[in-house]
Amino acid sequence: MYLPDMHKVPARASGLRIGLLLIAALLCGMAGFAVLPQALESGTLLWVQDDPAELADRQLARSFDAPAATREIEAALKADDADLAKSFVELARERNVPLAPELIARVEAATGAAAGAASAAGNFTRGLITGEPDDLVSLAGTALGDLFVFGDIRDALREGGRWAAGEEPDHLILGLSAVGIAITAGTYATLGAGAPARIGLSVVKAARKTGRLGTRMGESIARSLRGVVDWSALRKAMAGASLTEPAVAVRAAREAVKVEKADDLFRLTRDVGRVQTKAGTRAAFDGLKLADNPREMARVAKLAEKQGGKTRAVLKFLGRGAIALTAAAFDLALWVLWAALLVWGFLSSFKSAVERTTLRHLQRRKTRRLRREVEQQRRLATAGSGG
């Protein structure tokens, strides 16, 4: 009996193909195993990128350890920033990072010295008179001055006087002061409902005066002020104002500021106020320095609600990584894509190898069965002819 060619399996060629497929599967598996950890981390970061608290937590888990904490605390103490050093101690304690007892004692001593009564009184007075706070006490003085319009009028008259004299004023300070004057009555009228925005406005203005406002954030606030303040009307009105006649400055600000168009600005100042309330004045300054726009400041506010007094340490240690993906989302997506392709390559090659091996086995069985049938027919034919 004749066996068709379709049952004559080229064993060597089939075995070679199966071997190549298994080698391809092995290579894809090894590459995938090497890439998978980075791909999983990238995928997780992409998944939590809209949750700044979770994003910061994952970043800290990878890099915040005892040597890093000790280094940061030593640097903060050297810079005479007891508040930042204390923030790092709190962060280390929360994350179970061990610190030397003598280092903790030094931080406690520095914090106690900074909170002395004489120092507190001096900070309050400085904040009230200059409007340049750097801690909670001095901010209380600044906020008190702004709440009673004194601080905003002082700043508006100073910048307005420069403008009237032909000098270039700080339009950001002038605009924020005018807005502050215009909304202060609203804060009283709502029994403090506008207090977070009012405090946030004082912090933003103070950050600008002390050089702690990021360039991009300043540009974003300036754009908001263009739609809120009538600059030509404000310039004319401020020309006749003085500290001896504060009512003129108040009337000028209320006439030049379009409060109904200040929603974006108020959202920003409320977020700044939330950071100040949860994490302190310096944390609010750090956030304004770090964030590029109001949306990122809202992320800082969410982080402050979770981290509280540890916010400064998180912002200092992670930088922009605390509120945004420092690596481009495209790069992270590439890691995930490469891992997916390698896994697909492994599965595809392995599947083809298994299929070809199974097909080869089935074909061999079929060939053996056909050969047995042919052999049996031959024996029967031989027996019949012999009979």
Protein backbone atom coordinates (compact mmCIF):
# COMPACT_ATOMS: atom_id res chain seq x y z
CA MET A 1 0.00 0.00 0.00
CA TYR A 2 1.26 3.46 -0.84
CA LEU A 3 1.78 6.06 1.98
CA PRO A 4 0.98 9.65 0.88
CA ASP A 5 3.73 12.25 1.12
CA MET A 6 1.72 14.25 3.67
CA HIS A 7 2.54 11.60 6.21
CA LYS A 8 6.27 11.66 5.56
CA VAL A 9 7.36 14.15 8.25
CA PRO A 10 10.83 15.67 7.76
CA ALA A 11 11.97 14.97 11.33
CA ARG A 12 15.11 17.02 11.30
CA ALA A 13 13.45 20.18 9.88
CA SER A 14 10.57 19.88 12.32
CA GLY A 15 12.91 19.37 15.25
CA LEU A 16 14.98 22.39 14.21
CA ARG A 17 11.91 24.62 14.10
CA ILE A 18 10.81 23.41 17.52
CA GLY A 19 14.29 24.03 18.91
CA LEU A 20 14.37 27.57 17.50
CA LEU A 21 10.95 28.31 18.96
CA LEU A 22 12.06 27.06 22.38
CA ILE A 23 15.22 29.20 22.19
CA ALA A 24 13.09 32.25 21.28
CA ALA A 25 10.75 31.52 24.19
CA LEU A 26 13.73 31.18 26.54
CA LEU A 27 15.27 34.47 25.40
CA CYS A 28 11.95 36.31 25.69
CA GLY A 29 11.40 34.80 29.12
CA MET A 30 14.84 35.85 30.36
CA ALA A 31 14.46 39.39 28.98
CA GLY A 32 10.95 39.64 30.39
CA PHE A 33 12.14 38.48 33.80
CA ALA A 34 14.79 41.26 33.77
CA VAL A 35 12.36 43.95 32.59
CA LEU A 36 9.31 42.91 34.61
CA PRO A 37 10.22 44.59 37.97
CA GLN A 38 10.79 47.97 36.28
CA ALA A 39 7.67 47.51 34.19
CA LEU A 40 5.56 46.70 37.26
CA GLU A 41 6.92 49.73 39.10
CA SER A 42 6.29 51.94 36.05
CA GLY A 43 2.76 50.61 35.73
CA THR A 44 2.09 51.27 39.41
CA LEU A 45 3.43 54.83 39.16
CA LEU A 46 1.23 55.49 36.14
CA TRP A 47 -1.75 54.08 38.04
CA VAL A 48 -1.24 56.26 41.14
CA GLN A 49 0.02 59.42 39.38
CA ASP A 50 -3.15 61.30 40.31
CA ASP A 51 -2.75 60.45 44.01
CA PRO A 52 0.20 62.53 45.32
CA ALA A 53 0.15 60.87 48.75
CA GLU A 54 0.43 57.37 47.27
CA LEU A 55 2.97 58.54 44.69
CA ALA A 56 5.18 60.03 47.40
CA ASP A 57 4.81 56.92 49.56
CA ARG A 58 6.08 54.66 46.79
CA GLN A 59 9.01 56.99 46.06
CA LEU A 60 9.96 57.09 49.75
CA ALA A 61 9.78 53.32 50.06
CA ARG A 62 12.51 53.01 47.44
CA SER A 63 15.00 55.59 48.70
CA PHE A 64 14.30 56.91 52.21
CA ASP A 65 16.50 55.04 54.70
CA ALA A 66 18.56 55.77 57.82
CA PRO A 67 21.62 57.24 56.00
CA ALA A 68 19.39 59.48 53.88
CA ALA A 69 17.37 60.67 56.90
CA THR A 70 20.52 61.36 58.92
CA ARG A 71 22.08 63.27 56.05
CA GLU A 72 18.98 65.45 55.57
CA ILE A 73 18.62 66.18 59.30
CA GLU A 74 22.27 67.15 59.61
CA ALA A 75 21.91 69.50 56.62
CA ALA A 76 18.77 71.08 58.11
CA LEU A 77 20.46 71.66 61.47
CA LYS A 78 23.49 73.15 59.74
CA ALA A 79 21.17 75.54 57.89
CA ASP A 80 19.53 76.46 61.22
CA ASP A 81 16.21 75.08 60.00
CA ALA A 82 14.91 73.25 63.08
CA ASP A 83 11.44 72.98 61.58
CA LEU A 84 12.74 70.96 58.61
CA ALA A 85 14.88 68.77 60.87
CA LYS A 86 11.84 68.04 63.04
CA SER A 87 9.84 67.19 59.92
CA PHE A 88 12.46 64.61 58.91
CA VAL A 89 12.44 63.10 62.41
CA GLU A 90 8.66 62.69 62.19
CA LEU A 91 8.93 61.13 58.74
CA ALA A 92 11.61 58.70 59.91
CA ARG A 93 9.54 57.74 62.93
CA GLU A 94 6.47 57.08 60.80
CA ARG A 95 8.41 54.90 58.35
CA ASN A 96 10.29 53.03 61.11
CA VAL A 97 13.65 54.39 59.98
CA PRO A 98 16.11 54.22 62.93
CA LEU A 99 17.88 57.42 64.00
CA ALA A 100 20.66 57.96 66.53
CA PRO A 101 19.26 59.12 69.92
CA GLU A 102 21.81 61.95 70.11
CA LEU A 103 20.65 63.25 66.72
CA ILE A 104 17.04 63.30 67.89
CA ALA A 105 18.13 65.14 71.05
CA ARG A 106 19.88 67.79 68.95
CA VAL A 107 16.72 68.31 66.89
CA GLU A 108 14.59 68.65 70.03
CA ALA A 109 17.02 71.18 71.48
CA ALA A 110 17.04 73.22 68.27
CA THR A 111 13.25 73.12 68.06
CA GLY A 112 12.90 74.27 71.67
CA ALA A 113 15.29 77.15 71.15
CA ALA A 114 13.40 78.29 68.04
CA ALA A 115 10.12 78.29 69.95
CA GLY A 116 11.34 80.55 72.76
CA ALA A 117 9.02 83.25 74.02
CA ALA A 118 11.29 86.14 73.05
CA SER A 119 11.73 84.71 69.59
CA ALA A 120 7.98 84.21 69.18
CA ALA A 121 7.23 87.80 70.15
CA GLY A 122 9.83 89.10 67.73
CA ASN A 123 8.51 86.91 64.90
CA PHE A 124 4.93 88.08 65.46
CA THR A 125 5.98 91.72 65.34
CA ARG A 126 8.10 91.19 62.24
CA GLY A 127 5.22 89.47 60.46
CA LEU A 128 2.80 92.23 61.42
CA ILE A 129 5.03 95.12 60.36
CA THR A 130 6.94 93.77 57.36
CA GLY A 131 4.49 91.17 56.09
CA GLU A 132 7.32 88.66 55.54
CA PRO A 133 6.55 85.58 57.68
CA ASP A 134 8.67 82.44 57.87
CA ASP A 135 6.86 80.49 60.59
CA LEU A 136 3.44 80.13 62.18
CA VAL A 137 3.97 82.95 64.68
CA SER A 138 5.16 85.51 62.14
CA LEU A 139 2.37 84.45 59.77
CA ALA A 140 -0.11 85.17 62.55
CA GLY A 141 1.22 88.72 62.62
CA THR A 142 1.04 89.02 58.83
CA ALA A 143 -2.47 87.53 58.69
CA LEU A 144 -3.64 89.87 61.44
CA GLY A 145 -2.30 92.86 59.53
CA ASP A 146 -3.97 91.69 56.31
CA LEU A 147 -7.22 90.79 58.05
CA PHE A 148 -7.52 94.36 59.30
CA VAL A 149 -6.50 95.60 55.81
CA PHE A 150 -3.40 97.31 57.25
CA GLY A 151 -0.97 94.93 55.56
CA ASP A 152 -2.66 95.01 52.16
CA ILE A 153 -2.98 98.80 52.22
CA ARG A 154 0.71 99.12 53.19
CA ASP A 155 1.82 96.89 50.32
CA ALA A 156 -0.59 98.44 47.81
CA LEU A 157 0.51 101.97 48.66
CA ARG A 158 4.19 101.07 48.47
CA GLU A 159 3.87 99.51 45.01
CA GLY A 160 1.31 102.08 43.86
CA GLY A 161 3.63 104.89 44.94
CA ARG A 162 6.43 103.43 42.83
CA TRP A 163 4.09 103.21 39.89
CA ALA A 164 2.99 106.80 40.30
CA ALA A 165 6.63 107.89 40.49
CA GLY A 166 7.37 106.26 37.15
CA GLU A 167 9.15 103.25 38.63
CA GLU A 168 8.27 99.65 37.82
CA PRO A 169 6.12 98.20 40.61
CA ASP A 170 5.76 94.56 41.51
CA HIS A 171 2.44 93.98 39.79
CA LEU A 172 1.99 90.67 41.57
CA ILE A 173 2.24 92.26 45.03
CA LEU A 174 0.07 95.17 43.97
CA GLY A 175 -2.59 92.94 42.43
CA LEU A 176 -2.68 90.51 45.36
CA SER A 177 -2.91 93.43 47.80
CA ALA A 178 -5.82 94.92 45.87
CA VAL A 179 -7.60 91.57 45.82
CA GLY A 180 -6.92 91.16 49.55
CA ILE A 181 -8.47 94.54 50.30
CA ALA A 182 -11.51 93.70 48.17
CA ILE A 183 -12.24 90.33 49.81
CA THR A 184 -11.51 91.22 53.43
CA ALA A 185 -15.03 92.57 53.93
CA GLY A 186 -16.31 89.32 52.46
CA THR A 187 -14.33 87.35 55.05
CA TYR A 188 -16.03 89.29 57.82
CA ALA A 189 -19.45 88.99 56.18
CA THR A 190 -19.27 85.20 55.97
CA LEU A 191 -18.01 84.85 59.57
CA GLY A 192 -14.67 83.47 58.46
CA ALA A 193 -15.82 81.20 55.62
CA GLY A 194 -13.29 82.91 53.38
CA ALA A 195 -10.47 82.65 55.93
CA PRO A 196 -8.49 79.88 54.15
CA ALA A 197 -8.43 81.94 50.96
CA ARG A 198 -7.55 85.05 52.95
CA ILE A 199 -4.66 83.31 54.75
CA GLY A 200 -3.53 81.70 51.51
CA LEU A 201 -3.45 85.11 49.84
CA SER A 202 -1.22 86.45 52.62
CA VAL A 203 1.12 83.46 52.23
CA VAL A 204 1.36 83.88 48.44
CA LYS A 205 2.10 87.56 48.82
CA ALA A 206 4.72 86.87 51.49
CA ALA A 207 6.29 84.15 49.31
CA ARG A 208 6.64 86.68 46.51
CA LYS A 209 8.25 89.28 48.76
CA THR A 210 10.73 86.80 50.20
CA GLY A 211 11.68 85.20 46.88
CA ARG A 212 9.99 81.87 47.69
CA LEU A 213 7.48 81.92 44.86
CA GLY A 214 8.45 79.76 41.90
CA THR A 215 8.86 81.54 38.56
CA ARG A 216 6.23 79.50 36.75
CA MET A 217 3.79 79.78 39.62
CA GLY A 218 4.31 83.56 39.62
CA GLU A 219 3.57 83.66 35.89
CA SER A 220 0.41 81.62 36.42
CA ILE A 221 -0.81 83.97 39.17
CA ALA A 222 0.01 86.99 36.99
CA ARG A 223 -2.20 85.59 34.23
CA SER A 224 -5.04 85.14 36.71
CA LEU A 225 -4.66 88.70 37.95
CA ARG A 226 -4.97 90.11 34.42
CA GLY A 227 -8.60 89.09 34.33
CA VAL A 228 -9.31 90.16 37.90
CA VAL A 229 -7.71 93.61 38.23
CA ASP A 230 -8.43 96.70 36.11
CA TRP A 231 -4.85 98.00 36.12
CA SER A 232 -5.54 101.39 34.54
CA ALA A 233 -8.31 102.15 37.04
CA LEU A 234 -6.16 100.96 39.93
CA ARG A 235 -3.22 103.15 38.87
CA LYS A 236 -5.32 106.27 38.71
CA ALA A 237 -7.01 105.60 42.04
CA MET A 238 -3.80 104.70 43.89
CA ALA A 239 -2.13 107.93 42.82
CA GLY A 240 -4.16 109.88 45.38
CA ALA A 241 -4.08 107.34 48.20
CA SER A 242 -1.91 107.45 51.32
CA LEU A 243 -1.55 105.80 54.71
CA THR A 244 -3.24 108.81 56.29
CA GLU A 245 -6.30 108.19 54.09
CA PRO A 246 -6.69 104.40 53.92
CA ALA A 247 -10.30 104.69 52.81
CA VAL A 248 -9.11 105.94 49.43
CA ALA A 249 -6.99 102.81 48.92
CA VAL A 250 -9.85 100.57 50.04
CA ARG A 251 -12.30 102.24 47.65
CA ALA A 252 -9.77 102.07 44.79
CA ALA A 253 -9.19 98.36 45.31
CA ARG A 254 -12.86 97.52 45.48
CA GLU A 255 -13.56 99.45 42.28
CA ALA A 256 -10.61 97.98 40.36
CA VAL A 257 -10.97 94.34 41.44
CA LYS A 258 -13.55 92.08 39.78
CA VAL A 259 -14.04 89.60 42.59
CA GLU A 260 -16.54 87.55 40.58
CA LYS A 261 -13.75 86.66 38.13
CA ALA A 262 -11.27 85.56 40.81
CA ASP A 263 -12.45 81.95 41.21
CA ASP A 264 -9.19 80.47 39.87
CA LEU A 265 -7.11 82.69 42.13
CA PHE A 266 -9.25 81.83 45.15
CA ARG A 267 -8.92 78.10 44.46
CA LEU A 268 -5.16 78.51 44.52
CA THR A 269 -5.16 80.57 47.72
CA ARG A 270 -7.51 78.10 49.42
CA ASP A 271 -5.10 75.29 48.57
CA VAL A 272 -2.21 77.34 49.94
CA GLY A 273 -4.24 77.98 53.08
CA ARG A 274 -4.91 74.24 53.45
CA VAL A 275 -1.19 73.49 53.24
CA GLN A 276 -0.44 76.18 55.82
CA THR A 277 -3.11 74.82 58.17
CA LYS A 278 -2.05 71.16 57.88
CA ALA A 279 1.72 71.45 57.53
CA GLY A 280 2.80 74.97 58.48
CA THR A 281 3.87 78.20 56.82
CA ARG A 282 7.23 76.98 55.59
CA ALA A 283 5.62 73.96 53.98
CA ALA A 284 3.29 76.33 52.12
CA PHE A 285 6.34 78.33 50.97
CA ASP A 286 8.08 75.13 49.87
CA GLY A 287 5.00 74.11 47.91
CA LEU A 288 4.77 77.49 46.17
CA LYS A 289 8.45 77.21 45.26
CA LEU A 290 8.06 73.68 43.93
CA ALA A 291 4.71 73.81 42.13
CA ASP A 292 4.56 75.19 38.61
CA ASN A 293 0.85 75.94 38.53
CA PRO A 294 -2.30 75.94 40.70
CA ARG A 295 -3.09 72.35 39.75
CA GLU A 296 0.21 71.18 41.23
CA MET A 297 -0.41 73.31 44.32
CA ALA A 298 -3.67 71.39 44.76
CA ARG A 299 -1.55 68.22 44.77
CA VAL A 300 0.66 69.70 47.49
CA ALA A 301 -2.51 70.40 49.50
CA LYS A 302 -3.60 66.74 49.16
CA LEU A 303 -0.14 65.63 50.23
CA ALA A 304 -0.24 67.95 53.26
CA GLU A 305 -3.60 66.53 54.34
CA LYS A 306 -2.01 63.07 54.45
CA GLN A 307 1.49 63.92 55.73
CA GLY A 308 0.81 66.87 58.05
CA GLY A 309 4.02 68.01 59.72
CA LYS A 310 6.04 65.57 57.60
CA THR A 311 5.17 67.46 54.41
CA ARG A 312 8.30 69.62 54.41
CA ALA A 313 10.53 66.57 54.68
CA VAL A 314 8.70 64.82 51.83
CA LEU A 315 8.93 67.88 49.57
CA LYS A 316 12.59 68.43 50.40
CA PHE A 317 13.59 64.80 49.90
CA LEU A 318 11.57 64.00 46.78
CA GLY A 319 11.36 67.41 45.14
CA ARG A 320 8.87 67.40 42.28
CA GLY A 321 8.73 63.63 42.57
CA ALA A 322 6.41 64.16 45.55
CA ILE A 323 3.65 65.67 43.40
CA ALA A 324 4.35 64.55 39.84
CA LEU A 325 6.05 61.82 37.87
CA THR A 326 9.66 62.92 37.45
CA ALA A 327 10.12 60.46 34.58
CA ALA A 328 8.04 61.17 31.50
CA ALA A 329 4.85 59.16 31.36
CA PHE A 330 5.88 58.12 27.84
CA ASP A 331 9.09 56.54 29.17
CA LEU A 332 7.18 54.69 31.87
CA ALA A 333 4.66 53.48 29.31
CA LEU A 334 7.55 52.17 27.16
CA TRP A 335 8.70 49.94 30.03
CA VAL A 336 5.20 48.51 30.32
CA LEU A 337 5.00 48.04 26.55
CA TRP A 338 8.36 46.26 26.35
CA ALA A 339 7.37 43.92 29.16
CA ALA A 340 4.05 43.18 27.45
CA LEU A 341 5.80 42.46 24.13
CA LEU A 342 8.34 40.16 25.78
CA VAL A 343 5.64 38.26 27.66
CA TRP A 344 3.66 37.97 24.42
CA GLY A 345 6.81 36.77 22.61
CA PHE A 346 7.44 34.15 25.28
CA LEU A 347 3.87 32.87 25.25
CA SER A 348 3.63 32.94 21.47
CA SER A 349 6.93 31.09 20.94
CA PHE A 350 6.18 28.56 23.65
CA LYS A 351 2.67 28.00 22.29
CA SER A 352 4.00 27.43 18.76
CA ALA A 353 6.67 25.05 20.07
CA VAL A 354 4.05 23.04 21.98
CA GLU A 355 1.74 22.97 18.98
CA ARG A 356 4.50 21.82 16.63
CA THR A 357 5.68 19.20 19.13
CA THR A 358 2.13 17.90 19.51
CA LEU A 359 1.58 17.90 15.74
CA ARG A 360 4.85 16.03 15.22
CA HIS A 361 3.86 13.47 17.84
CA LEU A 362 0.41 12.97 16.27
CA GLN A 363 1.85 12.66 12.81
CA ARG A 364 4.34 10.04 13.99
CA ARG A 365 1.57 8.06 15.65
CA LYS A 366 -0.54 8.26 12.52
CA THR A 367 2.40 7.20 10.36
CA ARG A 368 3.17 4.24 12.63
CA ARG A 369 -0.49 3.20 12.56
CA LEU A 370 -0.62 3.38 8.77
CA ARG A 371 2.58 1.36 8.52
CA ARG A 372 1.15 -1.31 10.78
CA GLU A 373 -1.98 -1.46 8.64
CA VAL A 374 0.08 -1.73 5.46
CA GLU A 375 2.23 -4.44 7.01
CA GLN A 376 -0.84 -6.34 8.10
CA GLN A 377 -2.35 -6.10 4.63
CA ARG A 378 0.88 -7.37 3.12
CA ARG A 379 0.90 -10.37 5.44
CA LEU A 380 -2.70 -11.14 4.58
CA ALA A 381 -1.97 -10.79 0.88
CA THR A 382 1.05 -13.08 1.19
CA ALA A 383 -0.93 -15.66 3.11
CA GLY A 384 -3.73 -15.56 0.54
CA SER A 385 -1.42 -16.00 -2.41
CA GLY A 386 0.37 -18.85 -0.68
CA GLY A 387 -2.86 -20.68 -0.10
